[in-house]
Amino acid sequence: MELLAVIKGLEAIKTINQEVTIFSDSKYVIDAIEKRWVYGWLQKGFAGKKNKDLWLRYLEISKIHKIKFVWVRGHAGHPENERCDVLAVAAGKQKNLLIDSVFEMEAGKVNLL
């Protein structure tokens, strides 16, 4: 969910070549990008990695901006991080959520026949 939030935020920016600072409590997302793990995964075709579709989407949108990441501790009183958590929990409780068919297929939960 954190990776998709980063992607959607970047996709919402309508002017290219922007300096963007992303605050996140996801060490996984930040480390994958800042430590360049994602580029190694890309070279290996994302073998054994989840969310290939999202990582490819991030890599594409990241080309048009100057992005900096700042890690914030989750549930530690950071106002914007706390607000994002409230919104994410509320969204997860909504009825009739769309199915992430790529995730479901990768998890072996979708029968295509």
Protein backbone atom coordinates (compact mmCIF):
# COMPACT_ATOMS: atom_id res chain seq x y z
CA MET A 1 0.00 0.00 0.00
CA GLU A 2 2.85 2.40 0.78
CA LEU A 3 4.39 1.97 -2.66
CA LEU A 4 1.07 2.63 -4.36
CA ALA A 5 0.64 5.79 -2.26
CA VAL A 6 4.03 7.04 -3.49
CA ILE A 7 3.07 6.26 -7.09
CA LYS A 8 -0.36 7.91 -6.89
CA GLY A 9 1.15 11.00 -5.28
CA LEU A 10 3.75 11.33 -8.02
CA GLU A 11 1.18 10.69 -10.75
CA ALA A 12 -0.97 13.50 -9.35
CA ILE A 13 1.76 16.05 -10.06
CA LYS A 14 0.86 17.65 -13.37
CA THR A 15 4.12 19.53 -14.03
CA ILE A 16 7.25 17.56 -14.88
CA ASN A 17 10.71 18.01 -13.39
CA GLN A 18 9.47 18.89 -9.91
CA GLU A 19 11.52 18.61 -6.74
CA VAL A 20 9.47 16.27 -4.57
CA THR A 21 10.04 15.24 -0.98
CA ILE A 22 8.20 12.10 0.08
CA PHE A 23 7.79 11.40 3.77
CA SER A 24 7.12 7.74 4.56
CA ASP A 25 7.28 5.31 7.45
CA SER A 26 8.05 2.48 5.04
CA LYS A 27 11.70 1.48 5.33
CA TYR A 28 11.03 -1.13 2.64
CA VAL A 29 9.99 1.44 0.05
CA ILE A 30 12.63 3.99 0.99
CA ASP A 31 15.48 1.50 1.20
CA ALA A 32 14.48 -0.23 -2.03
CA ILE A 33 14.80 3.09 -3.82
CA GLU A 34 17.61 4.87 -1.99
CA LYS A 35 19.81 1.79 -1.64
CA ARG A 36 19.01 1.01 -5.29
CA TRP A 37 17.75 -2.51 -4.56
CA VAL A 38 14.95 -1.96 -7.07
CA TYR A 39 17.48 -1.65 -9.92
CA GLY A 40 18.99 -5.02 -9.02
CA TRP A 41 15.48 -6.51 -8.91
CA LEU A 42 14.80 -4.98 -12.32
CA GLN A 43 17.94 -6.55 -13.78
CA LYS A 44 16.82 -9.94 -12.43
CA GLY A 45 13.28 -9.52 -13.76
CA PHE A 46 11.94 -9.11 -10.20
CA ALA A 47 12.47 -12.84 -9.63
CA GLY A 48 11.06 -13.75 -6.24
CA LYS A 49 9.83 -10.19 -5.61
CA LYS A 50 6.25 -9.05 -5.18
CA ASN A 51 4.63 -6.02 -6.77
CA LYS A 52 6.65 -6.06 -9.98
CA ASP A 53 3.85 -4.08 -11.65
CA LEU A 54 4.01 -1.37 -8.99
CA TRP A 55 7.80 -1.17 -9.00
CA LEU A 56 7.78 -0.78 -12.79
CA ARG A 57 5.13 1.91 -12.48
CA TYR A 58 7.22 3.72 -9.85
CA LEU A 59 10.37 3.53 -11.98
CA GLU A 60 8.51 5.06 -14.91
CA ILE A 61 6.97 7.98 -13.00
CA SER A 62 10.18 8.63 -11.06
CA LYS A 63 12.00 9.51 -14.28
CA ILE A 64 10.19 12.83 -14.61
CA HIS A 65 10.82 14.26 -11.13
CA LYS A 66 13.64 14.89 -8.68
CA ILE A 67 12.60 12.79 -5.70
CA LYS A 68 13.95 12.81 -2.16
CA PHE A 69 12.73 10.47 0.58
CA VAL A 70 12.53 11.18 4.29
CA TRP A 71 11.77 8.38 6.72
CA VAL A 72 9.47 9.14 9.64
CA ARG A 73 8.73 6.74 12.48
CA GLY A 74 5.21 5.36 12.19
CA HIS A 75 2.74 5.91 15.03
CA ALA A 76 5.08 8.38 16.67
CA GLY A 77 2.97 11.52 16.52
CA HIS A 78 4.05 12.88 13.12
CA PRO A 79 0.79 14.69 12.18
CA GLU A 80 0.78 13.92 8.47
CA ASN A 81 1.84 10.32 9.02
CA GLU A 82 -0.91 9.85 11.60
CA ARG A 83 -3.45 11.35 9.17
CA CYS A 84 -2.33 9.01 6.39
CA ASP A 85 -2.75 6.06 8.74
CA VAL A 86 -6.31 7.14 9.60
CA LEU A 87 -7.14 7.52 5.90
CA ALA A 88 -5.62 4.15 4.99
CA VAL A 89 -7.52 2.32 7.73
CA ALA A 90 -10.78 4.01 6.72
CA ALA A 91 -10.22 3.17 3.06
CA GLY A 92 -9.52 -0.45 3.92
CA LYS A 93 -12.89 -0.71 5.68
CA GLN A 94 -14.89 0.48 2.68
CA LYS A 95 -17.24 -1.91 0.96
CA ASN A 96 -16.85 -2.91 -2.69
CA LEU A 97 -13.10 -2.37 -2.88
CA LEU A 98 -11.49 -3.07 -6.23
CA ILE A 99 -9.56 -6.31 -6.52
CA ASP A 100 -5.84 -6.06 -7.23
CA SER A 101 -5.86 -8.75 -9.91
CA VAL A 102 -2.07 -8.70 -10.39
CA PHE A 103 -1.47 -9.28 -6.68
CA GLU A 104 -4.14 -11.96 -6.54
CA MET A 105 -2.69 -13.73 -9.58
CA GLU A 106 0.84 -13.62 -8.14
CA ALA A 107 -0.50 -15.01 -4.87
CA GLY A 108 -2.21 -17.82 -6.79
CA LYS A 109 -5.68 -16.70 -5.73
CA VAL A 110 -7.14 -16.04 -9.17
CA ASN A 111 -8.31 -18.78 -11.45
CA LEU A 112 -8.20 -17.40 -14.96
CA LEU A 113 -10.28 -20.26 -16.40
